[in-house]
Amino acid sequence: MNATPSSTDHRDHTYGTDHAYGTDRTEPADQEGRTVHLDTAGWGTMPAAVRALVADCASREDRYGPHELEEDLEDVLRTEVHERLGALLGVPAADTAVVTDAAGAFDTLVSRLAPGRGERVWTTPYESAARLTALYALRDRTRCTVEVVPLREDGDLDLEWMARHIGDDVALVSVVHVPSGCGIVNPVEEIGQILAPYRCVYAVDASYSAGQLPVDAGRIGCQLLTGDGWRFLRGPYAVGFAFLAPRLRAVFEDAAAHRPLPPNAAVAGLNAALAHHTATTVTATAAAAADGPAGLAGQGLLPALRAAVEECPGTELIAPGRVQSAILAFRHRDLPAALVRRRLAARGVFVWKTVAQETPLHLPRSGATTALRASLGPDTTPQDIARFGRALREVVREETAGAQRPRPARTLPPAPTPVLASAPAPAPIPPAGPRPRPSARRHLTLCPTP
């Protein structure tokens, strides 16, 4: 898959290229000396061991060449990473694939599907722009129809509507487990039970859920599940994964053969990140059994994050649905999201700005064109949430006061006194006749295509 940033990643210029692509840079910090990273959904900070491994692989590749590195990593690339992916997703290792990104893997498969004319394809209002682009291309190519599953009043998907309208003329159902623009957790397992008796291909996007929530493709009952490795799994950029049911593998591999593969160093980094995730999950499970809930949602940090936003004057949560993940979206009624994000970054608190184009069927309906997104990570502490809340209140107070402060009246310089001059003699009128043609063409001539 092409190693392009996901459509759900909208970076404004003020954030900094170095931060966006994971290289070291000097980040602002407040007097406590620690930056607060609340953008795990956009870019999970790699554990030290994973970062060191990726750097070592890049150094070895630079010194000895890619073929030597591939030979040294053969067991990791061919076997180990697939075994870890199989364990993560609850599927056989042979049914997993390593890709550059989730959106590219989805497009790879969808570009080879051939639903009949008039057959239906289902998507949801939480679908990303990249996947919608692939679905619309499928519609234009095959003349199938794309239907959007409606939402209930609380923001959850209407499963009763799905149960009433499902049939064998539904060829593909695309559902995002957790969208990028808000923290709702869609009931992918319940949807799989509704679709199980029918022939449709069930595709799940787990880019924002893998690593923070259990993702079991076997229990979900999907035929395609894709995800990115650099978000909550905290691997390097430009590497993702996919699960493919056996009936789709041949089609996918044939299409993927014409697309770039992820760098070997990135695959090795993903393998190390999966190992780290497994170890920390086992530790968190043991701690939960001994001392109570642990993990991202069980630490009590999500309610604290939500409270920090709600206590700030003028803020509005964007949190549809009854079940929420470790992602919280919000906006301020009067202040631009980009301005608030920049002011928070200057205080050492990093969140993300989302735009309506990333989830074009959802955010515009909520009345938001831009919003802010804060997401928890395994290293987030209660102190981080407290700092975020203080910084957010400071930014809103300062910027609101600045907007209300009257501006001094602008004094315009006096207009210059016009200087009267005698009118020039009129130019002679040329004689009537054909106008001379210029010596060379100075305009663009458009020629119709034959």
Protein backbone atom coordinates (compact mmCIF):
# COMPACT_ATOMS: atom_id res chain seq x y z
CA MET A 1 0.00 0.00 0.00
CA ASN A 2 1.14 3.52 -0.57
CA ALA A 3 2.65 4.98 2.55
CA THR A 4 0.47 8.05 2.55
CA PRO A 5 -0.90 9.61 5.70
CA SER A 6 -4.34 8.42 6.62
CA SER A 7 -7.20 10.61 5.50
CA THR A 8 -8.07 11.03 9.14
CA ASP A 9 -4.78 12.79 9.83
CA HIS A 10 -5.09 16.49 9.04
CA ARG A 11 -1.90 18.33 10.01
CA ASP A 12 -1.75 22.10 10.01
CA HIS A 13 1.61 23.72 9.42
CA THR A 14 2.04 24.92 12.97
CA TYR A 15 2.25 21.43 14.39
CA GLY A 16 5.67 20.75 12.89
CA THR A 17 6.80 18.19 10.37
CA ASP A 18 9.17 16.56 12.83
CA HIS A 19 6.41 15.78 15.29
CA ALA A 20 4.15 14.49 12.55
CA TYR A 21 6.68 11.95 11.40
CA GLY A 22 8.03 10.87 14.74
CA THR A 23 11.55 12.28 14.71
CA ASP A 24 13.07 13.87 17.77
CA ARG A 25 12.55 17.55 18.25
CA THR A 26 12.57 20.05 21.07
CA GLU A 27 9.03 20.29 22.42
CA PRO A 28 7.82 23.10 24.65
CA ALA A 29 7.13 22.13 28.24
CA ASP A 30 5.76 24.06 31.15
CA GLN A 31 7.43 24.58 34.49
CA GLU A 32 6.84 20.94 35.40
CA GLY A 33 9.24 19.96 32.61
CA ARG A 34 7.05 17.28 31.00
CA THR A 35 5.09 17.46 27.78
CA VAL A 36 1.60 16.01 27.78
CA HIS A 37 0.93 13.84 24.73
CA LEU A 38 -2.81 13.44 24.21
CA ASP A 39 -2.67 12.37 20.58
CA THR A 40 -2.13 8.61 20.74
CA ALA A 41 -4.91 8.22 18.16
CA GLY A 42 -2.85 10.23 15.68
CA TRP A 43 0.60 9.03 16.62
CA GLY A 44 1.38 6.74 19.53
CA THR A 45 4.81 7.42 20.99
CA MET A 46 6.99 4.39 20.43
CA PRO A 47 8.37 2.61 23.50
CA ALA A 48 12.11 3.12 23.93
CA ALA A 49 12.93 -0.46 22.92
CA VAL A 50 10.88 -0.19 19.72
CA ARG A 51 12.44 3.14 18.80
CA ALA A 52 15.94 1.77 19.38
CA LEU A 53 15.22 -1.29 17.22
CA VAL A 54 13.88 0.79 14.32
CA ALA A 55 16.90 3.10 14.49
CA ASP A 56 19.28 0.12 14.53
CA CYS A 57 17.56 -1.47 11.52
CA ALA A 58 17.74 1.79 9.59
CA SER A 59 21.44 2.11 10.42
CA ARG A 60 22.17 -1.45 9.32
CA GLU A 61 20.21 -1.00 6.11
CA ASP A 62 22.13 2.18 5.36
CA ARG A 63 25.45 0.46 5.99
CA TYR A 64 24.91 -2.98 4.46
CA GLY A 65 21.91 -2.53 2.15
CA PRO A 66 18.28 -3.67 2.22
CA HIS A 67 18.96 -7.23 1.11
CA GLU A 68 21.30 -7.94 4.01
CA LEU A 69 18.77 -6.51 6.45
CA GLU A 70 15.97 -8.58 4.93
CA GLU A 71 18.08 -11.71 5.28
CA ASP A 72 18.83 -10.93 8.92
CA LEU A 73 15.15 -10.32 9.65
CA GLU A 74 13.80 -13.27 7.68
CA ASP A 75 12.22 -15.03 10.67
CA VAL A 76 10.62 -11.78 11.85
CA LEU A 77 9.27 -10.81 8.42
CA ARG A 78 8.05 -14.25 7.35
CA THR A 79 6.85 -15.83 10.60
CA GLU A 80 7.09 -13.93 13.87
CA VAL A 81 5.14 -10.80 13.01
CA HIS A 82 2.29 -12.89 11.55
CA GLU A 83 2.14 -15.05 14.66
CA ARG A 84 1.86 -11.94 16.82
CA LEU A 85 -0.82 -10.46 14.56
CA GLY A 86 -2.77 -13.71 14.68
CA ALA A 87 -2.63 -13.69 18.47
CA LEU A 88 -3.74 -10.04 18.59
CA LEU A 89 -6.69 -10.56 16.23
CA GLY A 90 -7.70 -14.08 17.29
CA VAL A 91 -7.13 -15.58 13.83
CA PRO A 92 -4.64 -18.01 12.23
CA ALA A 93 -1.28 -16.41 11.47
CA ALA A 94 -1.58 -17.51 7.83
CA ASP A 95 -4.63 -15.26 7.40
CA THR A 96 -2.79 -12.04 8.30
CA ALA A 97 -0.94 -9.64 6.04
CA VAL A 98 1.46 -6.76 6.64
CA VAL A 99 0.59 -3.59 4.68
CA THR A 100 1.62 0.03 4.66
CA ASP A 101 -1.68 1.39 5.97
CA ALA A 102 -5.27 0.35 6.63
CA ALA A 103 -6.91 2.64 4.07
CA GLY A 104 -4.64 1.35 1.32
CA ALA A 105 -5.40 -2.28 2.21
CA PHE A 106 -9.14 -1.58 2.08
CA ASP A 107 -8.80 0.10 -1.31
CA THR A 108 -6.69 -2.81 -2.57
CA LEU A 109 -9.47 -5.31 -1.91
CA VAL A 110 -12.42 -3.12 -2.84
CA SER A 111 -10.84 -2.30 -6.21
CA ARG A 112 -11.11 -6.02 -7.10
CA LEU A 113 -14.66 -6.63 -5.91
CA ALA A 114 -17.38 -6.86 -8.55
CA PRO A 115 -20.88 -6.51 -7.10
CA GLY A 116 -23.69 -6.73 -9.59
CA ARG A 117 -25.48 -3.74 -11.01
CA GLY A 118 -27.96 -2.46 -8.44
CA GLU A 119 -26.57 -4.51 -5.57
CA ARG A 120 -26.16 -2.65 -2.31
CA VAL A 121 -23.10 -1.56 -0.36
CA TRP A 122 -23.54 -0.41 3.22
CA THR A 123 -21.46 2.15 5.05
CA THR A 124 -22.01 4.29 8.16
CA PRO A 125 -21.94 8.02 8.97
CA TYR A 126 -18.67 7.43 10.86
CA GLU A 127 -16.80 6.22 7.76
CA SER A 128 -13.51 7.91 6.91
CA ALA A 129 -13.05 9.93 3.74
CA ALA A 130 -10.45 7.47 2.39
CA ARG A 131 -12.78 4.48 2.66
CA LEU A 132 -15.69 6.48 1.27
CA THR A 133 -13.55 7.34 -1.74
CA ALA A 134 -12.94 3.64 -2.37
CA LEU A 135 -16.65 2.87 -1.99
CA TYR A 136 -17.69 5.63 -4.38
CA ALA A 137 -15.14 4.40 -6.92
CA LEU A 138 -16.67 0.92 -6.58
CA ARG A 139 -20.12 2.40 -7.15
CA ASP A 140 -19.02 4.29 -10.26
CA ARG A 141 -17.25 1.23 -11.67
CA THR A 142 -19.96 -1.40 -11.06
CA ARG A 143 -23.17 0.68 -10.81
CA CYS A 144 -23.94 -0.71 -7.39
CA THR A 145 -25.68 1.53 -4.85
CA VAL A 146 -24.14 2.90 -1.63
CA GLU A 147 -26.48 3.13 1.37
CA VAL A 148 -25.68 4.78 4.71
CA VAL A 149 -26.90 2.97 7.82
CA PRO A 150 -28.93 5.46 9.86
CA LEU A 151 -28.19 6.47 13.44
CA ARG A 152 -30.45 6.37 16.45
CA GLU A 153 -31.11 9.56 18.39
CA ASP A 154 -28.27 8.76 20.80
CA GLY A 155 -25.77 8.41 17.94
CA ASP A 156 -25.51 4.63 17.92
CA LEU A 157 -25.96 2.70 14.68
CA ASP A 158 -29.52 1.52 14.15
CA LEU A 159 -29.11 -2.25 14.36
CA GLU A 160 -32.85 -2.82 14.01
CA TRP A 161 -32.76 -1.03 10.65
CA MET A 162 -29.89 -3.29 9.59
CA ALA A 163 -31.76 -6.42 10.63
CA ARG A 164 -34.86 -5.33 8.68
CA HIS A 165 -33.06 -4.35 5.48
CA ILE A 166 -30.30 -6.95 5.15
CA GLY A 167 -30.58 -9.34 2.21
CA ASP A 168 -28.52 -11.29 -0.27
CA ASP A 169 -28.39 -8.24 -2.52
CA VAL A 170 -26.07 -6.57 0.02
CA ALA A 171 -22.58 -7.24 -1.35
CA LEU A 172 -20.35 -5.30 1.07
CA VAL A 173 -20.73 -3.81 4.55
CA SER A 174 -18.04 -1.41 5.77
CA VAL A 175 -17.99 -0.44 9.47
CA VAL A 176 -15.40 1.46 11.46
CA HIS A 177 -14.90 0.07 14.97
CA VAL A 178 -13.84 3.44 16.46
CA PRO A 179 -13.89 6.49 14.16
CA SER A 180 -11.20 9.14 14.11
CA GLY A 181 -13.47 12.12 14.73
CA CYS A 182 -15.07 10.96 17.99
CA GLY A 183 -14.75 8.18 20.56
CA ILE A 184 -17.85 6.07 19.90
CA VAL A 185 -17.34 2.28 19.92
CA ASN A 186 -19.52 0.71 17.26
CA PRO A 187 -20.96 -2.76 18.04
CA VAL A 188 -19.02 -4.68 15.41
CA GLU A 189 -19.70 -8.08 16.97
CA GLU A 190 -23.48 -7.53 17.05
CA ILE A 191 -23.35 -6.36 13.43
CA GLY A 192 -21.42 -9.52 12.52
CA GLN A 193 -24.21 -11.65 14.00
CA ILE A 194 -26.79 -9.82 11.87
CA LEU A 195 -24.74 -10.30 8.69
CA ALA A 196 -23.60 -13.89 9.31
CA PRO A 197 -26.43 -15.68 7.42
CA TYR A 198 -25.85 -13.60 4.29
CA ARG A 199 -23.22 -13.62 1.55
CA CYS A 200 -21.92 -10.06 1.96
CA VAL A 201 -18.28 -9.19 2.64
CA TYR A 202 -18.02 -7.64 6.09
CA ALA A 203 -15.08 -5.19 6.37
CA VAL A 204 -14.05 -3.60 9.68
CA ASP A 205 -11.64 -0.71 10.17
CA ALA A 206 -9.76 -1.24 13.47
CA SER A 207 -7.20 1.54 12.98
CA TYR A 208 -8.32 3.43 16.10
CA SER A 209 -9.33 0.45 18.22
CA ALA A 210 -6.45 -2.03 17.90
CA GLY A 211 -4.22 -1.51 20.90
CA GLN A 212 -6.80 0.19 23.11
CA LEU A 213 -9.72 -2.27 22.86
CA PRO A 214 -9.95 -6.05 22.34
CA VAL A 215 -10.16 -6.76 18.61
CA ASP A 216 -11.06 -10.38 17.82
CA ALA A 217 -11.81 -10.87 14.14
CA GLY A 218 -13.13 -14.36 14.82
CA ARG A 219 -15.73 -13.08 17.28
CA ILE A 220 -16.55 -10.12 15.03
CA GLY A 221 -17.22 -12.46 12.11
CA CYS A 222 -15.72 -10.19 9.47
CA GLN A 223 -13.96 -11.23 6.28
CA LEU A 224 -11.62 -8.21 6.20
CA LEU A 225 -10.16 -6.30 9.14
CA THR A 226 -7.55 -3.60 8.67
CA GLY A 227 -5.56 -1.38 11.02
CA ASP A 228 -2.61 0.98 11.36
CA GLY A 229 0.38 0.07 13.47
CA TRP A 230 1.42 3.56 14.58
CA ARG A 231 -1.58 4.58 16.68
CA PHE A 232 -2.54 2.75 19.88
CA LEU A 233 -0.18 -0.12 19.06
CA ARG A 234 2.65 2.47 19.14
CA GLY A 235 4.66 1.05 16.26
CA PRO A 236 6.51 2.97 13.54
CA TYR A 237 4.86 4.85 10.72
CA ALA A 238 4.14 3.34 7.28
CA VAL A 239 3.21 -0.14 8.48
CA GLY A 240 -0.20 -1.65 9.14
CA PHE A 241 -1.92 -5.01 9.08
CA ALA A 242 -4.89 -6.87 7.68
CA PHE A 243 -6.85 -10.03 8.36
CA LEU A 244 -8.34 -11.70 5.29
CA ALA A 245 -10.76 -14.59 5.18
CA PRO A 246 -9.42 -17.45 3.02
CA ARG A 247 -11.93 -16.69 0.23
CA LEU A 248 -10.49 -13.19 -0.15
CA ARG A 249 -6.77 -13.94 0.17
CA ALA A 250 -6.08 -14.80 -3.48
CA VAL A 251 -7.89 -11.69 -4.72
CA PHE A 252 -6.09 -9.47 -2.22
CA GLU A 253 -2.62 -10.89 -2.86
CA ASP A 254 -3.04 -10.49 -6.61
CA ALA A 255 -3.94 -6.84 -6.21
CA ALA A 256 -1.34 -6.17 -3.50
CA ALA A 257 1.43 -7.55 -5.71
CA HIS A 258 1.35 -4.27 -7.65
CA ARG A 259 1.65 -2.04 -4.56
CA PRO A 260 4.67 -1.10 -2.45
CA LEU A 261 5.52 -3.08 0.67
CA PRO A 262 6.27 -1.47 4.03
CA PRO A 263 9.96 -1.00 4.87
CA ASN A 264 11.60 -3.95 6.59
CA ALA A 265 12.66 -1.75 9.50
CA ALA A 266 9.03 -0.70 10.00
CA VAL A 267 7.84 -4.33 9.99
CA ALA A 268 10.48 -5.21 12.58
CA GLY A 269 9.31 -2.23 14.64
CA LEU A 270 5.69 -3.38 14.40
CA ASN A 271 6.72 -6.84 15.58
CA ALA A 272 8.49 -5.31 18.58
CA ALA A 273 5.50 -3.06 19.31
CA LEU A 274 3.18 -6.08 19.25
CA ALA A 275 5.46 -7.88 21.70
CA HIS A 276 5.47 -4.82 23.97
CA HIS A 277 1.69 -4.51 23.74
CA THR A 278 1.21 -8.18 24.65
CA ALA A 279 3.52 -7.88 27.66
CA THR A 280 1.85 -4.72 28.96
CA THR A 281 -1.64 -6.19 28.39
CA VAL A 282 -0.74 -9.26 30.45
CA THR A 283 0.59 -7.00 33.21
CA ALA A 284 -2.54 -4.83 33.14
CA THR A 285 -4.78 -7.91 33.27
CA ALA A 286 -2.91 -9.23 36.29
CA ALA A 287 -3.18 -5.85 38.00
CA ALA A 288 -6.91 -5.72 37.28
CA ALA A 289 -7.38 -9.13 38.86
CA ALA A 290 -5.48 -8.04 41.97
CA ASP A 291 -6.31 -4.37 42.45
CA GLY A 292 -9.25 -3.50 40.20
CA PRO A 293 -9.66 -2.19 36.66
CA ALA A 294 -6.57 -1.16 34.72
CA GLY A 295 -5.85 -0.06 31.21
CA LEU A 296 -6.80 3.02 29.23
CA ALA A 297 -10.49 3.14 30.00
CA GLY A 298 -10.29 1.43 33.39
CA GLN A 299 -7.90 3.89 35.01
CA GLY A 300 -10.63 6.45 35.40
CA LEU A 301 -8.82 8.85 33.08
CA LEU A 302 -11.54 9.10 30.46
CA PRO A 303 -14.12 10.53 32.91
CA ALA A 304 -11.42 12.89 34.20
CA LEU A 305 -10.61 13.98 30.64
CA ARG A 306 -14.26 14.53 29.91
CA ALA A 307 -14.69 16.56 33.10
CA ALA A 308 -11.67 18.72 32.23
CA VAL A 309 -13.33 19.68 28.95
CA GLU A 310 -16.80 20.19 30.38
CA GLU A 311 -15.47 22.47 33.15
CA CYS A 312 -13.98 24.85 30.59
CA PRO A 313 -16.43 27.66 29.66
CA GLY A 314 -17.67 27.62 26.07
CA THR A 315 -16.63 24.05 25.20
CA GLU A 316 -18.92 21.44 23.67
CA LEU A 317 -18.33 17.69 23.61
CA ILE A 318 -18.71 15.67 20.41
CA ALA A 319 -19.40 12.29 21.96
CA PRO A 320 -22.28 10.42 20.32
CA GLY A 321 -23.19 6.91 21.39
CA ARG A 322 -23.50 5.04 24.67
CA VAL A 323 -20.07 3.36 24.66
CA GLN A 324 -16.94 5.50 24.47
CA SER A 325 -13.28 4.70 23.87
CA ALA A 326 -10.10 6.53 24.89
CA ILE A 327 -10.78 9.30 22.33
CA LEU A 328 -12.65 12.49 23.15
CA ALA A 329 -13.57 15.16 20.61
CA PHE A 330 -14.69 18.65 21.54
CA ARG A 331 -14.83 22.21 20.26
CA HIS A 332 -15.18 25.75 21.54
CA ARG A 333 -18.17 27.76 20.46
CA ASP A 334 -16.19 30.91 19.65
CA LEU A 335 -12.49 30.01 19.27
CA PRO A 336 -11.04 28.26 16.19
CA ALA A 337 -9.77 24.74 16.86
CA ALA A 338 -6.42 25.49 15.22
CA LEU A 339 -5.85 28.46 17.52
CA VAL A 340 -6.66 26.47 20.66
CA ARG A 341 -4.40 23.63 19.54
CA ARG A 342 -1.48 25.97 18.92
CA ARG A 343 -1.91 27.70 22.28
CA LEU A 344 -2.05 24.34 24.07
CA ALA A 345 1.08 23.17 22.24
CA ALA A 346 2.90 26.32 23.39
CA ARG A 347 2.13 25.17 26.94
CA GLY A 348 3.48 21.68 26.32
CA VAL A 349 0.08 20.00 25.87
CA PHE A 350 -0.45 18.26 22.53
CA VAL A 351 -3.88 17.41 21.14
CA TRP A 352 -5.09 17.09 17.57
CA LYS A 353 -7.27 19.16 15.27
CA THR A 354 -9.82 17.31 13.17
CA VAL A 355 -11.73 18.69 10.20
CA ALA A 356 -15.11 17.84 8.76
CA GLN A 357 -13.63 16.36 5.59
CA GLU A 358 -12.13 13.47 7.58
CA THR A 359 -15.58 12.07 8.39
CA PRO A 360 -17.74 13.93 5.89
CA LEU A 361 -20.96 12.09 6.75
CA HIS A 362 -20.77 12.84 10.47
CA LEU A 363 -19.04 16.04 11.59
CA PRO A 364 -20.90 18.38 9.21
CA ARG A 365 -24.20 17.00 10.53
CA SER A 366 -23.12 17.80 14.09
CA GLY A 367 -22.54 21.40 13.04
CA ALA A 368 -18.77 21.19 13.46
CA THR A 369 -16.35 22.09 10.69
CA THR A 370 -13.29 21.72 12.92
CA ALA A 371 -12.82 20.18 16.35
CA LEU A 372 -10.14 19.11 18.78
CA ARG A 373 -9.37 15.50 19.62
CA ALA A 374 -7.68 14.30 22.81
CA SER A 375 -6.75 10.64 23.15
CA LEU A 376 -5.27 8.75 26.07
CA GLY A 377 -2.21 6.55 25.98
CA PRO A 378 -0.73 3.94 28.31
CA ASP A 379 1.65 6.55 29.74
CA THR A 380 -1.04 9.14 30.43
CA THR A 381 -1.28 10.06 34.11
CA PRO A 382 -3.90 11.88 36.22
CA GLN A 383 -1.38 14.73 36.47
CA ASP A 384 -1.37 14.97 32.67
CA ILE A 385 -5.16 15.34 32.63
CA ALA A 386 -4.98 18.01 35.34
CA ARG A 387 -2.37 19.95 33.33
CA PHE A 388 -4.49 19.66 30.21
CA GLY A 389 -7.50 21.06 32.06
CA ARG A 390 -5.52 24.00 33.46
CA ALA A 391 -3.95 24.79 30.10
CA LEU A 392 -7.29 24.62 28.30
CA ARG A 393 -8.90 27.02 30.77
CA GLU A 394 -5.96 29.41 30.49
CA VAL A 395 -6.07 29.42 26.70
CA VAL A 396 -9.82 30.01 26.58
CA ARG A 397 -9.64 32.77 29.20
CA GLU A 398 -6.79 34.61 27.47
CA GLU A 399 -8.11 34.29 23.94
CA THR A 400 -11.66 35.19 24.92
CA ALA A 401 -10.43 38.26 26.78
CA GLY A 402 -8.30 39.25 23.80
CA ALA A 403 -11.26 38.94 21.45
CA GLN A 404 -13.42 41.13 23.70
CA ARG A 405 -10.77 43.82 24.26
CA PRO A 406 -11.67 46.92 22.17
CA ARG A 407 -9.22 47.75 19.45
CA PRO A 408 -7.81 51.29 19.26
CA ALA A 409 -9.31 53.41 16.51
CA ARG A 410 -7.15 53.50 13.45
CA THR A 411 -6.19 57.02 12.31
CA LEU A 412 -5.90 57.31 8.59
CA PRO A 413 -3.33 59.75 7.13
CA PRO A 414 -4.81 62.78 5.38
CA ALA A 415 -5.50 62.34 1.72
CA PRO A 416 -2.96 64.10 -0.51
CA THR A 417 -4.05 67.28 -2.24
CA PRO A 418 -4.73 66.50 -5.89
CA VAL A 419 -2.47 68.27 -8.35
CA LEU A 420 -4.35 69.64 -11.33
CA ALA A 421 -2.68 69.28 -14.67
CA SER A 422 -3.67 70.31 -18.10
CA ALA A 423 -5.52 67.62 -19.98
CA PRO A 424 -3.41 65.89 -22.64
CA ALA A 425 -4.34 66.11 -26.23
CA PRO A 426 -6.63 63.31 -27.35
CA ALA A 427 -4.95 60.43 -29.14
CA PRO A 428 -5.61 60.23 -32.86
CA ILE A 429 -8.31 57.80 -33.91
CA PRO A 430 -6.90 55.05 -36.17
CA PRO A 431 -8.51 54.63 -39.55
CA ALA A 432 -11.19 52.01 -39.95
CA GLY A 433 -10.13 48.64 -41.24
CA PRO A 434 -8.98 45.20 -40.10
CA ARG A 435 -6.99 45.14 -36.86
CA PRO A 436 -3.40 43.96 -37.29
CA ARG A 437 -2.66 40.50 -35.84
CA PRO A 438 0.11 40.24 -33.26
CA SER A 439 3.38 38.75 -34.41
CA ALA A 440 3.15 35.90 -31.88
CA ARG A 441 0.33 34.26 -29.91
CA ARG A 442 0.18 35.41 -26.33
CA HIS A 443 -2.73 33.32 -25.08
CA LEU A 444 -3.51 29.68 -24.45
CA THR A 445 -5.46 27.98 -27.21
CA LEU A 446 -7.68 25.05 -26.12
CA CYS A 447 -8.10 22.35 -28.74
CA PRO A 448 -10.97 19.86 -28.47
CA THR A 449 -9.99 16.23 -28.03
CA PRO A 450 -10.83 14.20 -31.12
